[in-house]
Amino acid sequence: MDKKTIKRNEIINKSIGIMYEKGYNGAGVKELTDAAGIPKGSFYNYFESKEDYGKEALYYYYYVLSKDKFNILLDQNINPLERIKLFYGGMIKGISEGTKSKFGCFIGNLTQEISCNSIIIQEVTKEIHAGIVIKIQECLKEAREKNILSKEKDVKELAEFIVSSWQGALLRTKACNNSEPVENFYKILTDILLK
């Protein structure tokens, strides 16, 4: 990794919380640079625009900050359905223990707020969501092959439904500022969808 990429990641790491909390439109470049501890003019040495920052922040959130969470879905030492349960259970635990119910999902938030107005953000969020669906779909496919999931279930449709339902539950969790919607999601996931 070159020095510019390392510095860009450092800036995102220090400032992404501002955009997560305030949203894309609510977070100004000055607030992002203040959080990162750099002059506002330096921002444009690392990002072409705020939109470019948003794109890179999405990738950073998915590939760096959330890497361990998503890696559970790839762990071949764990039953494939259990991997899905552990993945969402871990996400819910993080929401229940902190103030994250107010913030929702960084990827989901930017999808809702700006993807209609930004082709760049739309493409990145579409790519990330598709990647998540594929990870869930692969777990479901493996479960079906091991005869622990009904062969009648369409794994692609089920994976799409799970990811979409999760995003909806997160939105409702954010709106009511408590974890009940995601807890209800988990109950349906484990009691009905993954049977």
N, C-alpha and C. Protein backbone atom coordinates (compact mmCIF):
# COMPACT_ATOMS: atom_id res chain seq x y z
N MET A 1 0.85 -1.18 0.00
CA MET A 1 0.00 0.00 0.00
C MET A 1 0.90 1.25 0.00
N ASP A 2 0.64 2.19 -0.91
CA ASP A 2 1.47 3.39 -0.98
C ASP A 2 1.12 4.38 0.14
N LYS A 3 1.99 5.38 0.33
CA LYS A 3 1.84 6.35 1.43
C LYS A 3 0.53 7.13 1.32
N LYS A 4 0.15 7.47 0.09
CA LYS A 4 -1.09 8.25 -0.11
C LYS A 4 -2.31 7.43 0.32
N THR A 5 -2.33 6.15 -0.02
CA THR A 5 -3.46 5.28 0.37
C THR A 5 -3.49 5.11 1.88
N ILE A 6 -2.33 4.94 2.48
CA ILE A 6 -2.26 4.80 3.95
C ILE A 6 -2.81 6.05 4.62
N LYS A 7 -2.39 7.23 4.15
CA LYS A 7 -2.87 8.49 4.72
C LYS A 7 -4.37 8.67 4.48
N ARG A 8 -4.83 8.31 3.28
CA ARG A 8 -6.26 8.42 2.97
C ARG A 8 -7.08 7.55 3.92
N ASN A 9 -6.61 6.33 4.15
CA ASN A 9 -7.30 5.44 5.08
C ASN A 9 -7.28 5.98 6.50
N GLU A 10 -6.18 6.60 6.88
CA GLU A 10 -6.08 7.20 8.22
C GLU A 10 -7.10 8.34 8.36
N ILE A 11 -7.22 9.16 7.32
CA ILE A 11 -8.20 10.26 7.34
C ILE A 11 -9.61 9.71 7.47
N ILE A 12 -9.93 8.68 6.69
CA ILE A 12 -11.26 8.08 6.76
C ILE A 12 -11.51 7.49 8.14
N ASN A 13 -10.54 6.76 8.65
CA ASN A 13 -10.69 6.12 9.96
C ASN A 13 -11.01 7.13 11.06
N LYS A 14 -10.37 8.29 11.00
CA LYS A 14 -10.57 9.31 12.03
C LYS A 14 -11.86 10.10 11.84
N SER A 15 -12.38 10.14 10.61
CA SER A 15 -13.51 11.03 10.33
C SER A 15 -14.81 10.33 9.95
N ILE A 16 -14.77 9.04 9.68
CA ILE A 16 -15.97 8.34 9.19
C ILE A 16 -17.13 8.42 10.19
N GLY A 17 -16.81 8.48 11.46
CA GLY A 17 -17.85 8.59 12.49
C GLY A 17 -18.72 9.82 12.33
N ILE A 18 -18.14 10.90 11.82
CA ILE A 18 -18.91 12.14 11.59
C ILE A 18 -19.97 11.89 10.53
N MET A 19 -19.58 11.25 9.42
CA MET A 19 -20.54 10.98 8.36
C MET A 19 -21.54 9.92 8.79
N TYR A 20 -21.09 8.96 9.57
CA TYR A 20 -21.99 7.91 10.07
C TYR A 20 -23.08 8.54 10.94
N GLU A 21 -22.67 9.45 11.83
CA GLU A 21 -23.63 10.06 12.75
C GLU A 21 -24.51 11.12 12.08
N LYS A 22 -23.92 11.97 11.25
CA LYS A 22 -24.65 13.11 10.69
C LYS A 22 -25.20 12.86 9.30
N GLY A 23 -24.76 11.79 8.64
CA GLY A 23 -25.19 11.54 7.28
C GLY A 23 -24.29 12.23 6.29
N TYR A 24 -24.45 11.89 5.03
CA TYR A 24 -23.62 12.46 3.96
C TYR A 24 -23.84 13.97 3.87
N ASN A 25 -25.08 14.39 3.80
CA ASN A 25 -25.38 15.82 3.63
C ASN A 25 -25.11 16.62 4.89
N GLY A 26 -25.22 15.99 6.05
CA GLY A 26 -25.01 16.70 7.31
C GLY A 26 -23.56 16.87 7.69
N ALA A 27 -22.68 16.09 7.09
CA ALA A 27 -21.25 16.15 7.41
C ALA A 27 -20.53 17.03 6.40
N GLY A 28 -20.02 18.15 6.86
CA GLY A 28 -19.28 19.04 5.98
C GLY A 28 -17.82 18.62 5.87
N VAL A 29 -17.17 19.03 4.78
CA VAL A 29 -15.76 18.71 4.59
C VAL A 29 -14.93 19.24 5.76
N LYS A 30 -15.25 20.43 6.25
CA LYS A 30 -14.51 21.03 7.39
C LYS A 30 -14.63 20.14 8.62
N GLU A 31 -15.82 19.60 8.88
CA GLU A 31 -15.98 18.70 10.03
C GLU A 31 -15.16 17.42 9.84
N LEU A 32 -15.14 16.91 8.62
CA LEU A 32 -14.37 15.70 8.34
C LEU A 32 -12.88 15.95 8.53
N THR A 33 -12.40 17.09 8.02
CA THR A 33 -10.97 17.39 8.16
C THR A 33 -10.59 17.72 9.59
N ASP A 34 -11.48 18.38 10.32
CA ASP A 34 -11.21 18.64 11.75
C ASP A 34 -11.08 17.33 12.52
N ALA A 35 -12.00 16.40 12.24
CA ALA A 35 -11.95 15.10 12.92
C ALA A 35 -10.67 14.33 12.56
N ALA A 36 -10.22 14.51 11.32
CA ALA A 36 -9.02 13.81 10.85
C ALA A 36 -7.74 14.53 11.27
N GLY A 37 -7.89 15.78 11.73
CA GLY A 37 -6.72 16.55 12.16
C GLY A 37 -5.86 17.05 11.01
N ILE A 38 -6.52 17.39 9.89
CA ILE A 38 -5.79 17.92 8.74
C ILE A 38 -6.44 19.24 8.30
N PRO A 39 -5.69 20.12 7.63
CA PRO A 39 -6.29 21.34 7.09
C PRO A 39 -7.30 21.00 5.99
N LYS A 40 -8.32 21.84 5.87
CA LYS A 40 -9.37 21.57 4.88
C LYS A 40 -8.79 21.44 3.47
N GLY A 41 -7.81 22.26 3.13
CA GLY A 41 -7.21 22.21 1.80
C GLY A 41 -6.53 20.88 1.51
N SER A 42 -6.04 20.22 2.54
CA SER A 42 -5.35 18.93 2.36
C SER A 42 -6.32 17.82 1.95
N PHE A 43 -7.59 18.02 2.25
CA PHE A 43 -8.60 17.02 1.92
C PHE A 43 -8.53 16.65 0.44
N TYR A 44 -8.34 17.67 -0.40
CA TYR A 44 -8.37 17.46 -1.85
C TYR A 44 -7.07 16.87 -2.40
N ASN A 45 -6.08 16.69 -1.54
CA ASN A 45 -4.88 15.94 -1.93
C ASN A 45 -5.16 14.45 -1.92
N TYR A 46 -6.20 14.05 -1.18
CA TYR A 46 -6.51 12.63 -0.99
C TYR A 46 -7.84 12.21 -1.62
N PHE A 47 -8.74 13.17 -1.81
CA PHE A 47 -10.06 12.89 -2.38
C PHE A 47 -10.38 13.93 -3.43
N GLU A 48 -10.95 13.49 -4.53
CA GLU A 48 -11.32 14.42 -5.60
C GLU A 48 -12.45 15.33 -5.17
N SER A 49 -13.33 14.82 -4.30
CA SER A 49 -14.51 15.56 -3.89
C SER A 49 -15.08 14.88 -2.64
N LYS A 50 -16.11 15.47 -2.08
CA LYS A 50 -16.79 14.83 -0.94
C LYS A 50 -17.43 13.51 -1.41
N GLU A 51 -17.92 13.49 -2.62
CA GLU A 51 -18.50 12.27 -3.17
C GLU A 51 -17.45 11.16 -3.24
N ASP A 52 -16.23 11.52 -3.65
CA ASP A 52 -15.13 10.55 -3.69
C ASP A 52 -14.81 10.07 -2.28
N TYR A 53 -14.84 10.98 -1.31
CA TYR A 53 -14.65 10.57 0.09
C TYR A 53 -15.73 9.57 0.49
N GLY A 54 -16.98 9.86 0.15
CA GLY A 54 -18.08 8.95 0.49
C GLY A 54 -17.87 7.57 -0.10
N LYS A 55 -17.43 7.52 -1.36
CA LYS A 55 -17.15 6.24 -2.02
C LYS A 55 -16.06 5.48 -1.27
N GLU A 56 -14.96 6.16 -0.98
CA GLU A 56 -13.84 5.51 -0.29
C GLU A 56 -14.21 5.13 1.14
N ALA A 57 -15.04 5.94 1.79
CA ALA A 57 -15.48 5.62 3.15
C ALA A 57 -16.35 4.36 3.16
N LEU A 58 -17.18 4.19 2.15
CA LEU A 58 -17.99 2.97 2.04
C LEU A 58 -17.10 1.74 1.90
N TYR A 59 -16.11 1.82 1.00
CA TYR A 59 -15.19 0.70 0.84
C TYR A 59 -14.42 0.42 2.13
N TYR A 60 -13.98 1.48 2.79
CA TYR A 60 -13.22 1.33 4.03
C TYR A 60 -14.09 0.67 5.11
N TYR A 61 -15.32 1.12 5.22
CA TYR A 61 -16.24 0.56 6.21
C TYR A 61 -16.45 -0.94 5.96
N TYR A 62 -16.66 -1.30 4.70
CA TYR A 62 -16.96 -2.70 4.35
C TYR A 62 -15.72 -3.59 4.43
N TYR A 63 -14.63 -3.15 3.81
CA TYR A 63 -13.45 -4.02 3.70
C TYR A 63 -12.50 -3.95 4.89
N VAL A 64 -12.54 -2.88 5.67
CA VAL A 64 -11.62 -2.75 6.80
C VAL A 64 -12.36 -2.81 8.13
N LEU A 65 -13.25 -1.86 8.37
CA LEU A 65 -13.91 -1.78 9.68
C LEU A 65 -14.83 -2.97 9.97
N SER A 66 -15.47 -3.49 8.94
CA SER A 66 -16.43 -4.59 9.14
C SER A 66 -15.88 -5.94 8.69
N LYS A 67 -14.62 -5.99 8.35
CA LYS A 67 -14.02 -7.21 7.80
C LYS A 67 -14.25 -8.43 8.70
N ASP A 68 -13.97 -8.30 9.98
CA ASP A 68 -14.12 -9.43 10.90
C ASP A 68 -15.57 -9.90 10.98
N LYS A 69 -16.51 -8.96 10.95
CA LYS A 69 -17.93 -9.33 10.99
C LYS A 69 -18.30 -10.18 9.77
N PHE A 70 -17.84 -9.74 8.60
CA PHE A 70 -18.19 -10.45 7.37
C PHE A 70 -17.41 -11.75 7.21
N ASN A 71 -16.22 -11.81 7.78
CA ASN A 71 -15.41 -13.03 7.67
C ASN A 71 -16.06 -14.23 8.34
N ILE A 72 -16.92 -14.00 9.31
CA ILE A 72 -17.62 -15.12 9.97
C ILE A 72 -18.43 -15.92 8.94
N LEU A 73 -18.91 -15.24 7.91
CA LEU A 73 -19.71 -15.91 6.88
C LEU A 73 -18.87 -16.84 6.02
N LEU A 74 -17.55 -16.70 6.09
CA LEU A 74 -16.64 -17.50 5.27
C LEU A 74 -15.99 -18.64 6.05
N ASP A 75 -16.24 -18.70 7.35
CA ASP A 75 -15.56 -19.67 8.22
C ASP A 75 -16.11 -21.08 8.01
N GLN A 76 -15.35 -21.89 7.28
CA GLN A 76 -15.78 -23.25 6.93
C GLN A 76 -15.81 -24.20 8.14
N ASN A 77 -15.27 -23.77 9.27
CA ASN A 77 -15.29 -24.61 10.48
C ASN A 77 -16.62 -24.52 11.22
N ILE A 78 -17.49 -23.64 10.77
CA ILE A 78 -18.79 -23.43 11.42
C ILE A 78 -19.89 -23.84 10.45
N ASN A 79 -20.92 -24.50 10.97
CA ASN A 79 -22.11 -24.87 10.21
C ASN A 79 -22.58 -23.64 9.43
N PRO A 80 -22.91 -23.77 8.14
CA PRO A 80 -23.25 -22.60 7.31
C PRO A 80 -24.44 -21.79 7.82
N LEU A 81 -25.46 -22.45 8.36
CA LEU A 81 -26.60 -21.69 8.89
C LEU A 81 -26.22 -20.99 10.19
N GLU A 82 -25.36 -21.64 10.97
CA GLU A 82 -24.88 -21.02 12.21
C GLU A 82 -24.05 -19.78 11.90
N ARG A 83 -23.32 -19.80 10.79
CA ARG A 83 -22.52 -18.62 10.39
C ARG A 83 -23.43 -17.42 10.17
N ILE A 84 -24.55 -17.66 9.49
CA ILE A 84 -25.50 -16.56 9.24
C ILE A 84 -26.06 -16.05 10.57
N LYS A 85 -26.42 -16.96 11.45
CA LYS A 85 -26.96 -16.57 12.76
C LYS A 85 -25.93 -15.80 13.57
N LEU A 86 -24.69 -16.27 13.56
CA LEU A 86 -23.62 -15.58 14.30
C LEU A 86 -23.36 -14.19 13.72
N PHE A 87 -23.39 -14.09 12.40
CA PHE A 87 -23.18 -12.80 11.74
C PHE A 87 -24.21 -11.78 12.20
N TYR A 88 -25.49 -12.13 12.04
CA TYR A 88 -26.52 -11.17 12.42
C TYR A 88 -26.63 -11.01 13.94
N GLY A 89 -26.41 -12.08 14.68
CA GLY A 89 -26.41 -11.99 16.14
C GLY A 89 -25.35 -11.03 16.64
N GLY A 90 -24.17 -11.09 16.02
CA GLY A 90 -23.09 -10.16 16.39
C GLY A 90 -23.43 -8.72 16.07
N MET A 91 -24.06 -8.52 14.92
CA MET A 91 -24.46 -7.16 14.54
C MET A 91 -25.50 -6.61 15.53
N ILE A 92 -26.43 -7.46 15.92
CA ILE A 92 -27.48 -7.04 16.86
C ILE A 92 -26.89 -6.75 18.22
N LYS A 93 -25.94 -7.57 18.65
CA LYS A 93 -25.28 -7.34 19.94
C LYS A 93 -24.63 -5.97 19.96
N GLY A 94 -23.95 -5.61 18.86
CA GLY A 94 -23.31 -4.30 18.76
C GLY A 94 -24.32 -3.16 18.85
N ILE A 95 -25.48 -3.36 18.27
CA ILE A 95 -26.53 -2.34 18.31
C ILE A 95 -27.12 -2.25 19.71
N SER A 96 -27.39 -3.39 20.32
CA SER A 96 -28.03 -3.42 21.64
C SER A 96 -27.14 -2.84 22.72
N GLU A 97 -25.81 -3.05 22.60
CA GLU A 97 -24.89 -2.62 23.65
C GLU A 97 -24.50 -1.16 23.55
N GLY A 98 -24.68 -0.55 22.39
CA GLY A 98 -24.22 0.82 22.22
C GLY A 98 -25.34 1.76 21.85
N THR A 99 -24.94 2.87 21.31
CA THR A 99 -25.90 3.87 20.86
C THR A 99 -26.13 3.75 19.36
N LYS A 100 -25.67 2.65 18.78
CA LYS A 100 -25.73 2.50 17.33
C LYS A 100 -27.15 2.41 16.78
N SER A 101 -28.13 2.14 17.63
CA SER A 101 -29.50 2.07 17.12
C SER A 101 -29.92 3.40 16.52
N LYS A 102 -29.30 4.49 16.97
CA LYS A 102 -29.60 5.81 16.42
C LYS A 102 -29.04 5.99 15.02
N PHE A 103 -27.96 5.25 14.72
CA PHE A 103 -27.23 5.49 13.49
C PHE A 103 -27.57 4.56 12.35
N GLY A 104 -28.14 3.41 12.62
CA GLY A 104 -28.45 2.46 11.56
C GLY A 104 -27.19 1.84 10.99
N CYS A 105 -27.18 1.60 9.69
CA CYS A 105 -26.04 1.00 8.99
C CYS A 105 -25.42 2.05 8.08
N PHE A 106 -24.11 2.21 8.16
CA PHE A 106 -23.44 3.22 7.35
C PHE A 106 -23.72 3.01 5.86
N ILE A 107 -23.62 1.77 5.42
CA ILE A 107 -23.87 1.46 4.00
C ILE A 107 -25.33 1.75 3.64
N GLY A 108 -26.24 1.28 4.49
CA GLY A 108 -27.67 1.51 4.26
C GLY A 108 -28.02 2.99 4.29
N ASN A 109 -27.41 3.72 5.22
CA ASN A 109 -27.69 5.15 5.33
C ASN A 109 -27.31 5.90 4.06
N LEU A 110 -26.10 5.63 3.55
CA LEU A 110 -25.68 6.33 2.33
C LEU A 110 -26.49 5.87 1.13
N THR A 111 -26.90 4.60 1.13
CA THR A 111 -27.76 4.10 0.06
C THR A 111 -29.05 4.92 0.01
N GLN A 112 -29.67 5.10 1.17
CA GLN A 112 -30.94 5.83 1.24
C GLN A 112 -30.77 7.31 0.97
N GLU A 113 -29.71 7.89 1.51
CA GLU A 113 -29.58 9.34 1.47
C GLU A 113 -29.12 9.89 0.12
N ILE A 114 -28.18 9.22 -0.51
CA ILE A 114 -27.56 9.86 -1.66
C ILE A 114 -27.47 9.03 -2.92
N SER A 115 -27.72 7.73 -2.86
CA SER A 115 -27.49 6.91 -4.06
C SER A 115 -28.38 7.32 -5.23
N CYS A 116 -29.54 7.89 -4.96
CA CYS A 116 -30.40 8.35 -6.07
C CYS A 116 -29.80 9.56 -6.77
N ASN A 117 -28.98 10.32 -6.07
CA ASN A 117 -28.40 11.55 -6.63
C ASN A 117 -26.95 11.39 -7.04
N SER A 118 -26.36 10.24 -6.76
CA SER A 118 -24.95 10.03 -7.07
C SER A 118 -24.76 8.64 -7.68
N ILE A 119 -24.43 8.62 -8.94
CA ILE A 119 -24.17 7.34 -9.63
C ILE A 119 -23.00 6.63 -8.96
N ILE A 120 -21.99 7.38 -8.54
CA ILE A 120 -20.80 6.79 -7.91
C ILE A 120 -21.19 6.06 -6.63
N ILE A 121 -21.93 6.74 -5.75
CA ILE A 121 -22.35 6.12 -4.48
C ILE A 121 -23.31 4.97 -4.77
N GLN A 122 -24.20 5.15 -5.72
CA GLN A 122 -25.15 4.10 -6.09
C GLN A 122 -24.42 2.83 -6.52
N GLU A 123 -23.41 2.98 -7.36
CA GLU A 123 -22.65 1.82 -7.83
C GLU A 123 -21.92 1.11 -6.70
N VAL A 124 -21.33 1.89 -5.80
CA VAL A 124 -20.59 1.29 -4.68
C VAL A 124 -21.53 0.57 -3.74
N THR A 125 -22.65 1.20 -3.38
CA THR A 125 -23.58 0.54 -2.45
C THR A 125 -24.20 -0.70 -3.10
N LYS A 126 -24.46 -0.63 -4.39
CA LYS A 126 -24.99 -1.80 -5.10
C LYS A 126 -23.97 -2.94 -5.07
N GLU A 127 -22.71 -2.61 -5.32
CA GLU A 127 -21.63 -3.60 -5.30
C GLU A 127 -21.48 -4.24 -3.91
N ILE A 128 -21.51 -3.42 -2.87
CA ILE A 128 -21.35 -3.94 -1.51
C ILE A 128 -22.53 -4.81 -1.12
N HIS A 129 -23.75 -4.33 -1.38
CA HIS A 129 -24.93 -5.14 -1.06
C HIS A 129 -24.92 -6.46 -1.82
N ALA A 130 -24.52 -6.42 -3.08
CA ALA A 130 -24.43 -7.66 -3.87
C ALA A 130 -23.41 -8.62 -3.26
N GLY A 131 -22.30 -8.08 -2.77
CA GLY A 131 -21.28 -8.90 -2.12
C GLY A 131 -21.81 -9.57 -0.86
N ILE A 132 -22.61 -8.84 -0.10
CA ILE A 132 -23.19 -9.40 1.13
C ILE A 132 -24.18 -10.50 0.76
N VAL A 133 -25.02 -10.23 -0.24
CA VAL A 133 -25.99 -11.24 -0.69
C VAL A 133 -25.26 -12.52 -1.11
N ILE A 134 -24.18 -12.37 -1.85
CA ILE A 134 -23.42 -13.55 -2.31
C ILE A 134 -22.88 -14.35 -1.13
N LYS A 135 -22.36 -13.67 -0.12
CA LYS A 135 -21.84 -14.37 1.06
C LYS A 135 -22.94 -15.17 1.76
N ILE A 136 -24.12 -14.55 1.92
CA ILE A 136 -25.25 -15.23 2.54
C ILE A 136 -25.72 -16.38 1.64
N GLN A 137 -25.80 -16.12 0.36
CA GLN A 137 -26.24 -17.14 -0.61
C GLN A 137 -25.32 -18.36 -0.59
N GLU A 138 -24.01 -18.14 -0.50
CA GLU A 138 -23.06 -19.25 -0.46
C GLU A 138 -23.27 -20.10 0.80
N CYS A 139 -23.55 -19.45 1.93
CA CYS A 139 -23.84 -20.20 3.16
C CYS A 139 -25.11 -21.04 2.98
N LEU A 140 -26.13 -20.44 2.39
CA LEU A 140 -27.39 -21.16 2.17
C LEU A 140 -27.21 -22.32 1.20
N LYS A 141 -26.44 -22.08 0.15
CA LYS A 141 -26.18 -23.13 -0.83
C LYS A 141 -25.46 -24.31 -0.17
N GLU A 142 -24.47 -24.00 0.64
CA GLU A 142 -23.73 -25.04 1.36
C GLU A 142 -24.66 -25.80 2.31
N ALA A 143 -25.54 -25.08 2.98
CA ALA A 143 -26.49 -25.72 3.91
C ALA A 143 -27.43 -26.64 3.16
N ARG A 144 -27.87 -26.22 1.98
CA ARG A 144 -28.76 -27.05 1.18
C ARG A 144 -28.04 -28.31 0.71
N GLU A 145 -26.78 -28.16 0.31
CA GLU A 145 -25.98 -29.32 -0.12
C GLU A 145 -25.74 -30.31 1.02
N LYS A 146 -25.69 -29.79 2.26
CA LYS A 146 -25.48 -30.65 3.44
C LYS A 146 -26.80 -31.15 4.03
N ASN A 147 -27.90 -30.86 3.33
CA ASN A 147 -29.24 -31.29 3.76
C ASN A 147 -29.66 -30.72 5.11
N ILE A 148 -29.21 -29.49 5.41
CA ILE A 148 -29.67 -28.84 6.64
C ILE A 148 -30.56 -27.63 6.32
N LEU A 149 -30.85 -27.47 5.05
CA LEU A 149 -31.79 -26.45 4.60
C LEU A 149 -32.62 -27.09 3.50
N SER A 150 -33.91 -26.81 3.51
CA SER A 150 -34.83 -27.39 2.53
C SER A 150 -34.35 -27.13 1.11
N LYS A 151 -34.36 -28.17 0.29
CA LYS A 151 -33.96 -28.05 -1.11
C LYS A 151 -34.96 -27.25 -1.92
N GLU A 152 -36.14 -27.06 -1.36
CA GLU A 152 -37.19 -26.30 -2.07
C GLU A 152 -36.95 -24.80 -2.00
N LYS A 153 -36.09 -24.36 -1.10
CA LYS A 153 -35.85 -22.93 -0.96
C LYS A 153 -34.88 -22.44 -2.03
N ASP A 154 -35.24 -21.36 -2.68
CA ASP A 154 -34.36 -20.72 -3.66
C ASP A 154 -33.34 -19.89 -2.89
N VAL A 155 -32.08 -20.30 -2.90
CA VAL A 155 -31.08 -19.66 -2.05
C VAL A 155 -30.79 -18.21 -2.46
N LYS A 156 -30.88 -17.92 -3.74
CA LYS A 156 -30.65 -16.53 -4.18
C LYS A 156 -31.77 -15.62 -3.68
N GLU A 157 -33.01 -16.05 -3.86
CA GLU A 157 -34.14 -15.25 -3.39
C GLU A 157 -34.11 -15.10 -1.87
N LEU A 158 -33.80 -16.19 -1.18
CA LEU A 158 -33.76 -16.16 0.28
C LEU A 158 -32.65 -15.22 0.77
N ALA A 159 -31.48 -15.28 0.14
CA ALA A 159 -30.37 -14.39 0.52
C ALA A 159 -30.75 -12.93 0.29
N GLU A 160 -31.37 -12.64 -0.87
CA GLU A 160 -31.83 -11.27 -1.16
C GLU A 160 -32.84 -10.81 -0.10
N PHE A 161 -33.76 -11.69 0.24
CA PHE A 161 -34.80 -11.36 1.22
C PHE A 161 -34.19 -11.09 2.59
N ILE A 162 -33.23 -11.91 3.01
CA ILE A 162 -32.60 -11.74 4.32
C ILE A 162 -31.88 -10.39 4.38
N VAL A 163 -31.09 -10.08 3.36
CA VAL A 163 -30.34 -8.82 3.36
C VAL A 163 -31.28 -7.62 3.32
N SER A 164 -32.32 -7.69 2.50
CA SER A 164 -33.29 -6.59 2.41
C SER A 164 -34.06 -6.43 3.72
N SER A 165 -34.43 -7.54 4.33
CA SER A 165 -35.17 -7.49 5.60
C SER A 165 -34.30 -6.90 6.70
N TRP A 166 -33.02 -7.25 6.68
CA TRP A 166 -32.09 -6.70 7.66
C TRP A 166 -32.00 -5.17 7.52
N GLN A 167 -31.87 -4.70 6.28
CA GLN A 167 -31.79 -3.26 6.06
C GLN A 167 -33.07 -2.56 6.52
N GLY A 168 -34.21 -3.18 6.26
CA GLY A 168 -35.48 -2.61 6.73
C GLY A 168 -35.57 -2.58 8.24
N ALA A 169 -35.12 -3.65 8.88
CA ALA A 169 -35.12 -3.71 10.35
C ALA A 169 -34.19 -2.64 10.93
N LEU A 170 -33.04 -2.44 10.28
CA LEU A 170 -32.11 -1.39 10.75
C LEU A 170 -32.73 -0.01 10.63
N LEU A 171 -33.43 0.23 9.53
CA LEU A 171 -34.09 1.52 9.33
C LEU A 171 -35.11 1.77 10.44
N ARG A 172 -35.89 0.75 10.75
CA ARG A 172 -36.90 0.89 11.81
C ARG A 172 -36.23 1.04 13.17
N THR A 173 -35.13 0.35 13.39
CA THR A 173 -34.38 0.48 14.65
C THR A 173 -33.89 1.90 14.81
N LYS A 174 -33.40 2.47 13.73
CA LYS A 174 -32.92 3.86 13.75
C LYS A 174 -34.08 4.82 14.03
N ALA A 175 -35.22 4.57 13.40
CA ALA A 175 -36.38 5.46 13.56
C ALA A 175 -36.92 5.45 14.99
N CYS A 176 -36.95 4.27 15.62
CA CYS A 176 -37.52 4.21 16.98
C CYS A 176 -36.45 4.19 18.07
N ASN A 177 -35.18 4.21 17.68
CA ASN A 177 -34.05 4.28 18.60
C ASN A 177 -34.06 3.17 19.66
N ASN A 178 -34.44 1.96 19.21
CA ASN A 178 -34.27 0.78 20.07
C ASN A 178 -34.09 -0.44 19.18
N SER A 179 -33.61 -1.51 19.78
CA SER A 179 -33.21 -2.67 18.99
C SER A 179 -34.33 -3.69 18.73
N GLU A 180 -35.54 -3.39 19.13
CA GLU A 180 -36.63 -4.35 18.95
C GLU A 180 -36.82 -4.82 17.50
N PRO A 181 -36.81 -3.91 16.49
CA PRO A 181 -36.98 -4.39 15.11
C PRO A 181 -35.91 -5.39 14.67
N VAL A 182 -34.64 -5.16 15.03
CA VAL A 182 -33.60 -6.11 14.62
C VAL A 182 -33.69 -7.41 15.42
N GLU A 183 -34.16 -7.32 16.65
CA GLU A 183 -34.36 -8.54 17.44
C GLU A 183 -35.51 -9.37 16.86
N ASN A 184 -36.56 -8.70 16.39
CA ASN A 184 -37.66 -9.40 15.72
C ASN A 184 -37.18 -10.04 14.41
N PHE A 185 -36.35 -9.30 13.67
CA PHE A 185 -35.75 -9.85 12.45
C PHE A 185 -35.01 -11.16 12.77
N TYR A 186 -34.21 -11.14 13.83
CA TYR A 186 -33.41 -12.31 14.18
C TYR A 186 -34.29 -13.50 14.57
N LYS A 187 -35.37 -13.23 15.26
CA LYS A 187 -36.29 -14.30 15.65
C LYS A 187 -36.89 -14.97 14.41
N ILE A 188 -37.35 -14.16 13.45
CA ILE A 188 -37.91 -14.72 12.21
C ILE A 188 -36.83 -15.45 11.41
N LEU A 189 -35.63 -14.86 11.36
CA LEU A 189 -34.51 -15.48 10.65
C LEU A 189 -34.24 -16.88 11.19
N THR A 190 -34.12 -16.98 12.50
CA THR A 190 -33.72 -18.27 13.09
C THR A 190 -34.88 -19.25 13.22
N ASP A 191 -36.08 -18.76 13.51
CA ASP A 191 -37.23 -19.65 13.74
C ASP A 191 -37.94 -20.09 12.46
N ILE A 192 -37.83 -19.28 11.40
CA ILE A 192 -38.60 -19.58 10.19
C ILE A 192 -37.72 -19.68 8.94
N LEU A 193 -36.94 -18.66 8.64
CA LEU A 193 -36.23 -18.60 7.37
C LEU A 193 -35.12 -19.64 7.24
N LEU A 194 -34.42 -19.91 8.33
CA LEU A 194 -33.29 -20.84 8.25
C LEU A 194 -33.65 -22.25 8.71
N LYS A 195 -34.91 -22.62 8.57
CA LYS A 195 -35.35 -23.99 8.94
C LYS A 195 -35.39 -24.85 7.71
